[in-house]
Amino acid sequence: MGRTASKGKAEGEALVCHKPLALLIILWGIDQTTGVINLPDHELHSKSIKDKILVYPCGCGGNGYFLYLFRKAGVGPRAVINMQPFEQDMIDAIFAQIPMVYGFDHNLLQIIESGDHIDVDANKGVVTVSKAP
């Protein structure tokens, strides 16, 4: 179980980033019509965040409402899971009404892989993982 940053429920395919994620940097490198990240040196290059369960260790900068902007453009994630809270990401998730959970007893980055099916119940802080075949 984790802690709730932004309430709600969502399910979908996991998109995992193993390094801290700076949504500010992603904003400038994301295609606002597809959600595809166009940053050649980034771990998520050519991947789309649209309708994914975005999993990353923690945020690392930025002070805007980027999750809200992604959601408003129709390319936002369905939910966010991270290991350590970054205050601005939590505020952003609440503002964007995107479920977000954090602070688990186990490192979910060692369990969840991109492509796994994830159910997030941020109301209870529960994440259920179904491994991809």
Protein backbone atom coordinates (compact mmCIF):
# COMPACT_ATOMS: atom_id res chain seq x y z
CA MET A 1 0.00 0.00 0.00
CA GLY A 2 1.02 3.52 -0.68
CA ARG A 3 -0.13 7.00 0.16
CA THR A 4 -2.62 9.09 -1.79
CA ALA A 5 -1.55 12.33 -3.39
CA SER A 6 -4.59 12.69 -5.66
CA LYS A 7 -7.72 10.56 -5.29
CA GLY A 8 -9.36 8.52 -8.00
CA LYS A 9 -9.18 5.20 -9.79
CA ALA A 10 -7.60 4.27 -13.11
CA GLU A 11 -6.33 1.29 -14.99
CA GLY A 12 -4.16 0.84 -18.01
CA GLU A 13 -0.76 -0.02 -19.38
CA ALA A 14 2.32 0.91 -17.38
CA LEU A 15 4.96 3.24 -18.79
CA VAL A 16 8.02 3.08 -16.54
CA CYS A 17 10.84 5.61 -16.28
CA HIS A 18 13.67 4.50 -13.97
CA LYS A 19 15.18 7.95 -13.47
CA PRO A 20 13.66 10.98 -11.73
CA LEU A 21 11.27 12.64 -14.13
CA ALA A 22 11.31 16.37 -14.79
CA LEU A 23 7.87 17.10 -16.22
CA LEU A 24 9.12 20.59 -17.14
CA ILE A 25 11.64 19.06 -19.55
CA ILE A 26 9.10 16.57 -20.88
CA LEU A 27 6.65 19.39 -21.61
CA TRP A 28 8.95 20.93 -24.18
CA GLY A 29 9.68 17.56 -25.81
CA ILE A 30 6.17 16.12 -26.00
CA ASP A 31 3.96 16.13 -29.06
CA GLN A 32 0.78 17.80 -27.80
CA THR A 33 -1.37 15.80 -30.24
CA THR A 34 -0.02 12.29 -29.59
CA GLY A 35 1.68 12.42 -26.18
CA VAL A 36 4.88 11.03 -27.73
CA ILE A 37 8.10 12.16 -26.06
CA ASN A 38 10.57 13.46 -28.64
CA LEU A 39 13.74 13.79 -26.57
CA PRO A 40 16.45 11.62 -28.21
CA ASP A 41 18.52 11.14 -25.03
CA HIS A 42 15.56 10.41 -22.76
CA GLU A 43 14.64 6.92 -21.55
CA LEU A 44 11.06 7.46 -22.77
CA HIS A 45 12.02 8.74 -26.24
CA SER A 46 9.37 7.78 -28.83
CA LYS A 47 7.00 6.55 -26.08
CA SER A 48 3.59 8.10 -25.48
CA ILE A 49 2.31 8.99 -22.01
CA LYS A 50 -1.26 9.20 -23.34
CA ASP A 51 -3.62 6.99 -21.32
CA LYS A 52 -0.71 5.22 -19.59
CA ILE A 53 -0.07 4.62 -15.91
CA LEU A 54 3.09 6.69 -15.56
CA VAL A 55 5.54 5.14 -13.09
CA TYR A 56 8.74 6.92 -12.00
CA PRO A 57 10.88 7.22 -8.86
CA CYS A 58 10.26 10.91 -8.15
CA GLY A 59 9.94 14.32 -9.73
CA CYS A 60 12.95 16.57 -10.01
CA GLY A 61 11.96 20.09 -10.79
CA GLY A 62 9.46 22.33 -12.41
CA ASN A 63 6.85 24.60 -10.95
CA GLY A 64 3.98 24.54 -13.40
CA TYR A 65 0.87 22.53 -13.99
CA PHE A 66 2.25 20.19 -16.63
CA LEU A 67 0.05 17.17 -15.86
CA TYR A 68 -2.90 19.51 -16.19
CA LEU A 69 -1.63 20.79 -19.55
CA PHE A 70 -1.10 17.21 -20.78
CA ARG A 71 -4.60 16.23 -19.64
CA LYS A 72 -6.18 19.34 -21.15
CA ALA A 73 -4.48 18.53 -24.48
CA GLY A 74 -5.91 14.99 -24.27
CA VAL A 75 -2.51 13.31 -24.01
CA GLY A 76 -2.14 12.92 -20.24
CA PRO A 77 -1.57 9.75 -18.27
CA ARG A 78 -4.49 7.97 -16.60
CA ALA A 79 -2.62 7.82 -13.28
CA VAL A 80 0.79 8.46 -11.74
CA ILE A 81 2.77 6.21 -9.40
CA ASN A 82 6.01 7.34 -7.82
CA MET A 83 8.18 6.25 -4.96
CA GLN A 84 8.92 9.60 -3.33
CA PRO A 85 6.63 12.59 -3.30
CA PHE A 86 7.63 15.75 -5.09
CA GLU A 87 5.33 18.47 -3.84
CA GLN A 88 4.73 20.17 -7.18
CA ASP A 89 3.88 16.87 -8.91
CA MET A 90 1.35 16.11 -6.16
CA ILE A 91 -0.28 19.53 -6.47
CA ASP A 92 -0.31 19.17 -10.25
CA ALA A 93 -1.99 15.73 -10.08
CA ILE A 94 -4.69 17.10 -7.78
CA PHE A 95 -5.29 20.10 -10.06
CA ALA A 96 -5.39 17.83 -13.15
CA GLN A 97 -7.64 15.30 -11.35
CA ILE A 98 -5.23 12.48 -12.19
CA PRO A 99 -4.99 9.75 -9.53
CA MET A 100 -1.53 9.66 -7.94
CA VAL A 101 -0.03 7.36 -5.33
CA TYR A 102 3.43 7.31 -3.77
CA GLY A 103 5.51 6.08 -0.83
CA PHE A 104 5.30 2.29 -0.98
CA ASP A 105 6.94 -0.23 1.35
CA HIS A 106 8.51 -1.95 -1.68
CA ASN A 107 10.20 -0.34 -4.66
CA LEU A 108 7.58 -0.79 -7.36
CA LEU A 109 10.20 0.04 -9.99
CA GLN A 110 11.62 -3.42 -9.29
CA ILE A 111 8.19 -5.00 -9.86
CA ILE A 112 6.41 -2.99 -12.56
CA GLU A 113 7.63 -3.05 -16.16
CA SER A 114 6.40 -1.05 -19.13
CA GLY A 115 3.52 -2.96 -20.70
CA ASP A 116 2.20 -4.45 -17.45
CA HIS A 117 -1.49 -3.85 -16.74
CA ILE A 118 -1.97 -1.67 -13.66
CA ASP A 119 -5.05 -0.96 -11.56
CA VAL A 120 -4.68 2.10 -9.34
CA ASP A 121 -7.08 2.82 -6.51
CA ALA A 122 -5.64 6.06 -5.21
CA ASN A 123 -8.56 6.41 -2.79
CA LYS A 124 -7.06 3.51 -0.83
CA GLY A 125 -3.42 3.74 -1.95
CA VAL A 126 -3.62 0.33 -3.65
CA VAL A 127 -1.84 -0.70 -6.85
CA THR A 128 -2.50 -4.05 -8.51
CA VAL A 129 -0.07 -5.33 -11.15
CA SER A 130 -0.87 -7.91 -13.83
CA LYS A 131 2.34 -8.86 -15.60
CA ALA A 132 2.42 -8.53 -19.36
CA PRO A 133 2.66 -11.89 -21.19
